[in-house]
Amino acid sequence: MYEKEKISKKSKKKENIEKEVAKLLADGIVVARLKGREEFGARSLGNRAILANPSKDDVIQEIMDFFKERIDYALSVGIKESNIIIDPGIGFGKRVEDNLRILANVNRFKELGFPVLIGHSMKSFIGAVNNVDTKDRLIETMAILSLLIEMGIDIVRVHHINEAKRVINIINKISEFKEG
């Protein structure tokens, strides 16, 4: 009986800590899907056994389900909808095909109604697809950036800011001349 009581106290303490962290993050958080753990801003707020060994049978649906659960939790502890950003976690233990599927289906994450952040820059899946070393992945990173912009991505994380700015500038300039 003592052991159950001890576990119960630990669970309550963890829940209270999670709520306190959420209050500190009320100005804004990124809910990120990383392999085997749940991330809530900069702090992990509770691993769930169901996520410990992601199946990857339907990586998009798995991530969507994760976001729905974590967003509900964030809202329940007082974080405003306007302060939530979602990141499906390119890389982070996912297979090459999972990363490609995530990129091809960014629109699914946007359906949740929150800004979507993608951090694809120079990632290993790029090297796996085109057999290039890390230092040689700039072209692919910028190509993916172009695709993401056309898909309506909200936020990207890149290493080469000047190059990314040039890509964004040319896409915006071309868009000015779009008819209809």
C-alpha atoms as a PDB file:
ATOM      1  CA  MET A   1       0.000   0.000   0.000  1.00  0.00           C
ATOM      2  CA  TYR A   2       2.837   2.360   0.837  1.00  0.00           C
ATOM      3  CA  GLU A   3       4.266   1.996  -2.685  1.00  0.00           C
ATOM      4  CA  LYS A   4       0.939   3.002  -4.327  1.00  0.00           C
ATOM      5  CA  GLU A   5       0.698   6.049  -2.067  1.00  0.00           C
ATOM      6  CA  LYS A   6       4.272   7.019  -2.921  1.00  0.00           C
ATOM      7  CA  ILE A   7       3.580   6.684  -6.663  1.00  0.00           C
ATOM      8  CA  SER A   8       0.384   8.719  -6.304  1.00  0.00           C
ATOM      9  CA  LYS A   9       2.292  11.533  -4.559  1.00  0.00           C
ATOM     10  CA  LYS A  10       4.922  11.506  -7.320  1.00  0.00           C
ATOM     11  CA  SER A  11       2.205  11.715  -9.981  1.00  0.00           C
ATOM     12  CA  LYS A  12       0.523  14.659  -8.255  1.00  0.00           C
ATOM     13  CA  LYS A  13       3.869  16.411  -7.814  1.00  0.00           C
ATOM     14  CA  LYS A  14       4.680  15.886 -11.503  1.00  0.00           C
ATOM     15  CA  GLU A  15       1.241  17.180 -12.517  1.00  0.00           C
ATOM     16  CA  ASN A  16       1.739  20.291 -10.359  1.00  0.00           C
ATOM     17  CA  ILE A  17       5.198  20.878 -11.856  1.00  0.00           C
ATOM     18  CA  GLU A  18       3.738  20.535 -15.372  1.00  0.00           C
ATOM     19  CA  LYS A  19       1.093  23.135 -14.575  1.00  0.00           C
ATOM     20  CA  GLU A  20       3.694  25.512 -13.143  1.00  0.00           C
ATOM     21  CA  VAL A  21       5.898  25.114 -16.234  1.00  0.00           C
ATOM     22  CA  ALA A  22       2.850  25.735 -18.427  1.00  0.00           C
ATOM     23  CA  LYS A  23       2.172  28.978 -16.561  1.00  0.00           C
ATOM     24  CA  LEU A  24       5.752  30.085 -17.220  1.00  0.00           C
ATOM     25  CA  LEU A  25       5.284  29.270 -20.906  1.00  0.00           C
ATOM     26  CA  ALA A  26       1.954  31.084 -21.211  1.00  0.00           C
ATOM     27  CA  ASP A  27       3.505  33.717 -23.481  1.00  0.00           C
ATOM     28  CA  GLY A  28       4.095  31.119 -26.169  1.00  0.00           C
ATOM     29  CA  ILE A  29       5.104  27.525 -26.741  1.00  0.00           C
ATOM     30  CA  VAL A  30       6.087  25.194 -29.516  1.00  0.00           C
ATOM     31  CA  VAL A  31       4.474  21.776 -29.257  1.00  0.00           C
ATOM     32  CA  ALA A  32       6.960  19.466 -30.955  1.00  0.00           C
ATOM     33  CA  ARG A  33       6.638  15.780 -31.797  1.00  0.00           C
ATOM     34  CA  LEU A  34       9.957  14.131 -31.031  1.00  0.00           C
ATOM     35  CA  LYS A  35      10.504  10.376 -31.087  1.00  0.00           C
ATOM     36  CA  GLY A  36       9.663   8.636 -27.870  1.00  0.00           C
ATOM     37  CA  ARG A  37       8.804  11.655 -25.786  1.00  0.00           C
ATOM     38  CA  GLU A  38       6.423  14.555 -25.734  1.00  0.00           C
ATOM     39  CA  GLU A  39       7.804  18.041 -25.822  1.00  0.00           C
ATOM     40  CA  PHE A  40       5.970  21.053 -24.557  1.00  0.00           C
ATOM     41  CA  GLY A  41       8.046  24.146 -25.098  1.00  0.00           C
ATOM     42  CA  ALA A  42      11.502  23.566 -23.724  1.00  0.00           C
ATOM     43  CA  ARG A  43      10.294  21.101 -21.094  1.00  0.00           C
ATOM     44  CA  SER A  44       9.064  17.560 -21.336  1.00  0.00           C
ATOM     45  CA  LEU A  45       5.615  17.324 -19.817  1.00  0.00           C
ATOM     46  CA  GLY A  46       5.013  13.654 -19.376  1.00  0.00           C
ATOM     47  CA  ASN A  47       5.941  10.644 -21.449  1.00  0.00           C
ATOM     48  CA  ARG A  48       3.098   8.408 -22.535  1.00  0.00           C
ATOM     49  CA  ALA A  49       3.693   4.702 -23.117  1.00  0.00           C
ATOM     50  CA  ILE A  50       1.788   4.828 -26.395  1.00  0.00           C
ATOM     51  CA  LEU A  51       4.406   7.233 -27.779  1.00  0.00           C
ATOM     52  CA  ALA A  52       7.463   5.399 -26.470  1.00  0.00           C
ATOM     53  CA  ASN A  53       7.643   3.200 -29.575  1.00  0.00           C
ATOM     54  CA  PRO A  54       6.014   5.127 -32.409  1.00  0.00           C
ATOM     55  CA  SER A  55       4.587   2.716 -34.956  1.00  0.00           C
ATOM     56  CA  LYS A  56       5.096   4.893 -38.016  1.00  0.00           C
ATOM     57  CA  ASP A  57       2.313   2.936 -39.743  1.00  0.00           C
ATOM     58  CA  ASP A  58       0.620   6.270 -40.311  1.00  0.00           C
ATOM     59  CA  VAL A  59       3.113   8.862 -39.150  1.00  0.00           C
ATOM     60  CA  ILE A  60       0.861  11.774 -40.138  1.00  0.00           C
ATOM     61  CA  GLN A  61      -2.107  10.511 -38.140  1.00  0.00           C
ATOM     62  CA  GLU A  62       0.145   9.642 -35.206  1.00  0.00           C
ATOM     63  CA  ILE A  63       1.518  13.181 -35.141  1.00  0.00           C
ATOM     64  CA  MET A  64      -1.965  14.674 -35.579  1.00  0.00           C
ATOM     65  CA  ASP A  65      -3.262  12.644 -32.633  1.00  0.00           C
ATOM     66  CA  PHE A  66      -0.264  13.731 -30.562  1.00  0.00           C
ATOM     67  CA  PHE A  67      -0.849  17.400 -31.403  1.00  0.00           C
ATOM     68  CA  LYS A  68      -4.542  17.211 -30.563  1.00  0.00           C
ATOM     69  CA  GLU A  69      -3.789  15.703 -27.154  1.00  0.00           C
ATOM     70  CA  ARG A  70      -0.975  18.139 -26.328  1.00  0.00           C
ATOM     71  CA  ILE A  71      -2.888  21.175 -27.596  1.00  0.00           C
ATOM     72  CA  ASP A  72      -5.868  20.191 -25.449  1.00  0.00           C
ATOM     73  CA  TYR A  73      -3.526  19.889 -22.496  1.00  0.00           C
ATOM     74  CA  ALA A  74      -1.869  23.251 -23.210  1.00  0.00           C
ATOM     75  CA  LEU A  75      -5.247  24.952 -23.390  1.00  0.00           C
ATOM     76  CA  SER A  76      -6.396  23.221 -20.196  1.00  0.00           C
ATOM     77  CA  VAL A  77      -3.480  24.702 -18.239  1.00  0.00           C
ATOM     78  CA  GLY A  78      -4.127  28.216 -19.500  1.00  0.00           C
ATOM     79  CA  ILE A  79      -1.979  28.669 -22.570  1.00  0.00           C
ATOM     80  CA  LYS A  80      -3.802  30.806 -25.117  1.00  0.00           C
ATOM     81  CA  GLU A  81      -4.496  29.391 -28.588  1.00  0.00           C
ATOM     82  CA  SER A  82      -2.758  32.402 -30.103  1.00  0.00           C
ATOM     83  CA  ASN A  83       0.450  31.413 -28.300  1.00  0.00           C
ATOM     84  CA  ILE A  84       0.741  27.872 -29.657  1.00  0.00           C
ATOM     85  CA  ILE A  85       2.952  26.795 -32.565  1.00  0.00           C
ATOM     86  CA  ILE A  86       3.221  23.172 -33.715  1.00  0.00           C
ATOM     87  CA  ASP A  87       6.330  21.404 -35.020  1.00  0.00           C
ATOM     88  CA  PRO A  88       6.042  17.856 -36.392  1.00  0.00           C
ATOM     89  CA  GLY A  89       9.737  17.297 -35.657  1.00  0.00           C
ATOM     90  CA  ILE A  90      11.613  16.597 -38.878  1.00  0.00           C
ATOM     91  CA  GLY A  91      14.410  14.180 -38.045  1.00  0.00           C
ATOM     92  CA  PHE A  92      14.323  13.242 -34.354  1.00  0.00           C
ATOM     93  CA  GLY A  93      14.343   9.485 -34.865  1.00  0.00           C
ATOM     94  CA  LYS A  94      12.014   9.393 -37.832  1.00  0.00           C
ATOM     95  CA  ARG A  95      12.762   7.360 -40.925  1.00  0.00           C
ATOM     96  CA  VAL A  96      13.652   9.064 -44.223  1.00  0.00           C
ATOM     97  CA  GLU A  97      10.228   8.224 -45.651  1.00  0.00           C
ATOM     98  CA  ASP A  98       8.516   9.617 -42.524  1.00  0.00           C
ATOM     99  CA  ASN A  99      10.298  12.953 -42.967  1.00  0.00           C
ATOM    100  CA  LEU A 100       9.366  13.068 -46.651  1.00  0.00           C
ATOM    101  CA  ARG A 101       5.755  12.202 -45.813  1.00  0.00           C
ATOM    102  CA  ILE A 102       5.649  14.980 -43.179  1.00  0.00           C
ATOM    103  CA  LEU A 103       6.971  17.529 -45.679  1.00  0.00           C
ATOM    104  CA  ALA A 104       4.554  16.413 -48.394  1.00  0.00           C
ATOM    105  CA  ASN A 105       1.614  16.719 -45.992  1.00  0.00           C
ATOM    106  CA  VAL A 106       2.250  19.996 -44.164  1.00  0.00           C
ATOM    107  CA  ASN A 107      -1.306  20.974 -45.111  1.00  0.00           C
ATOM    108  CA  ARG A 108      -2.645  18.299 -42.747  1.00  0.00           C
ATOM    109  CA  PHE A 109      -0.956  19.962 -39.781  1.00  0.00           C
ATOM    110  CA  LYS A 110      -2.234  23.363 -40.873  1.00  0.00           C
ATOM    111  CA  GLU A 111      -5.784  21.954 -40.620  1.00  0.00           C
ATOM    112  CA  LEU A 112      -5.386  22.139 -36.831  1.00  0.00           C
ATOM    113  CA  GLY A 113      -5.453  25.936 -37.089  1.00  0.00           C
ATOM    114  CA  PHE A 114      -2.095  26.682 -35.469  1.00  0.00           C
ATOM    115  CA  PRO A 115       1.084  28.062 -37.043  1.00  0.00           C
ATOM    116  CA  VAL A 116       3.320  25.232 -38.261  1.00  0.00           C
ATOM    117  CA  LEU A 117       7.097  25.321 -37.818  1.00  0.00           C
ATOM    118  CA  ILE A 118       9.398  23.100 -39.873  1.00  0.00           C
ATOM    119  CA  GLY A 119      13.103  22.697 -39.110  1.00  0.00           C
ATOM    120  CA  HIS A 120      14.340  20.823 -42.164  1.00  0.00           C
ATOM    121  CA  SER A 121      17.626  22.637 -42.707  1.00  0.00           C
ATOM    122  CA  MET A 122      20.609  20.399 -43.492  1.00  0.00           C
ATOM    123  CA  LYS A 123      18.961  17.318 -41.923  1.00  0.00           C
ATOM    124  CA  SER A 124      20.270  13.800 -42.437  1.00  0.00           C
ATOM    125  CA  PHE A 125      17.254  12.670 -44.480  1.00  0.00           C
ATOM    126  CA  ILE A 126      18.443  15.081 -47.194  1.00  0.00           C
ATOM    127  CA  GLY A 127      21.797  13.362 -47.234  1.00  0.00           C
ATOM    128  CA  ALA A 128      20.126   9.972 -47.403  1.00  0.00           C
ATOM    129  CA  VAL A 129      17.972  10.948 -50.394  1.00  0.00           C
ATOM    130  CA  ASN A 130      20.723  12.613 -52.445  1.00  0.00           C
ATOM    131  CA  ASN A 131      23.797  10.967 -50.910  1.00  0.00           C
ATOM    132  CA  VAL A 132      25.411  14.253 -49.855  1.00  0.00           C
ATOM    133  CA  ASP A 133      27.419  15.236 -46.803  1.00  0.00           C
ATOM    134  CA  THR A 134      26.042  17.748 -44.308  1.00  0.00           C
ATOM    135  CA  LYS A 135      28.086  20.620 -45.726  1.00  0.00           C
ATOM    136  CA  ASP A 136      26.631  19.976 -49.191  1.00  0.00           C
ATOM    137  CA  ARG A 137      22.907  20.065 -48.341  1.00  0.00           C
ATOM    138  CA  LEU A 138      22.233  23.763 -48.946  1.00  0.00           C
ATOM    139  CA  ILE A 139      20.643  23.294 -52.382  1.00  0.00           C
ATOM    140  CA  GLU A 140      18.207  20.684 -51.102  1.00  0.00           C
ATOM    141  CA  THR A 141      17.455  22.767 -47.988  1.00  0.00           C
ATOM    142  CA  MET A 142      16.544  25.768 -50.169  1.00  0.00           C
ATOM    143  CA  ALA A 143      14.500  23.595 -52.550  1.00  0.00           C
ATOM    144  CA  ILE A 144      12.491  22.297 -49.597  1.00  0.00           C
ATOM    145  CA  LEU A 145      12.125  25.862 -48.316  1.00  0.00           C
ATOM    146  CA  SER A 146      10.655  26.872 -51.691  1.00  0.00           C
ATOM    147  CA  LEU A 147       8.191  24.008 -51.564  1.00  0.00           C
ATOM    148  CA  LEU A 148       7.191  24.832 -47.983  1.00  0.00           C
ATOM    149  CA  ILE A 149       6.576  28.470 -48.887  1.00  0.00           C
ATOM    150  CA  GLU A 150       4.328  27.418 -51.741  1.00  0.00           C
ATOM    151  CA  MET A 151       2.492  25.142 -49.299  1.00  0.00           C
ATOM    152  CA  GLY A 152       1.883  28.091 -46.971  1.00  0.00           C
ATOM    153  CA  ILE A 153       4.287  27.205 -44.164  1.00  0.00           C
ATOM    154  CA  ASP A 154       4.217  29.662 -41.279  1.00  0.00           C
ATOM    155  CA  ILE A 155       7.699  29.347 -39.774  1.00  0.00           C
ATOM    156  CA  VAL A 156      10.931  27.677 -40.845  1.00  0.00           C
ATOM    157  CA  ARG A 157      14.171  27.125 -39.009  1.00  0.00           C
ATOM    158  CA  VAL A 158      17.213  27.354 -41.254  1.00  0.00           C
ATOM    159  CA  HIS A 159      20.969  27.590 -40.815  1.00  0.00           C
ATOM    160  CA  HIS A 160      21.669  29.782 -43.861  1.00  0.00           C
ATOM    161  CA  ILE A 161      19.589  32.878 -43.204  1.00  0.00           C
ATOM    162  CA  ASN A 162      20.865  35.055 -46.067  1.00  0.00           C
ATOM    163  CA  GLU A 163      20.271  32.308 -48.623  1.00  0.00           C
ATOM    164  CA  ALA A 164      16.801  31.635 -47.222  1.00  0.00           C
ATOM    165  CA  LYS A 165      15.992  35.344 -47.358  1.00  0.00           C
ATOM    166  CA  ARG A 166      17.000  35.430 -51.044  1.00  0.00           C
ATOM    167  CA  VAL A 167      14.759  32.450 -51.806  1.00  0.00           C
ATOM    168  CA  ILE A 168      11.838  34.079 -49.986  1.00  0.00           C
ATOM    169  CA  ASN A 169      12.430  37.404 -51.750  1.00  0.00           C
ATOM    170  CA  ILE A 170      12.387  35.873 -55.235  1.00  0.00           C
ATOM    171  CA  ILE A 171       9.281  33.814 -54.475  1.00  0.00           C
ATOM    172  CA  ASN A 172       7.514  36.914 -53.147  1.00  0.00           C
ATOM    173  CA  LYS A 173       8.542  38.938 -56.213  1.00  0.00           C
ATOM    174  CA  ILE A 174       7.252  36.264 -58.604  1.00  0.00           C
ATOM    175  CA  SER A 175       4.000  36.076 -56.613  1.00  0.00           C
ATOM    176  CA  GLU A 176       3.439  39.808 -57.184  1.00  0.00           C
ATOM    177  CA  PHE A 177       2.951  39.069 -60.878  1.00  0.00           C
ATOM    178  CA  LYS A 178       0.572  36.157 -60.466  1.00  0.00           C
ATOM    179  CA  GLU A 179      -2.667  36.667 -62.323  1.00  0.00           C
ATOM    180  CA  GLY A 180      -6.080  35.477 -61.181  1.00  0.00           C
END
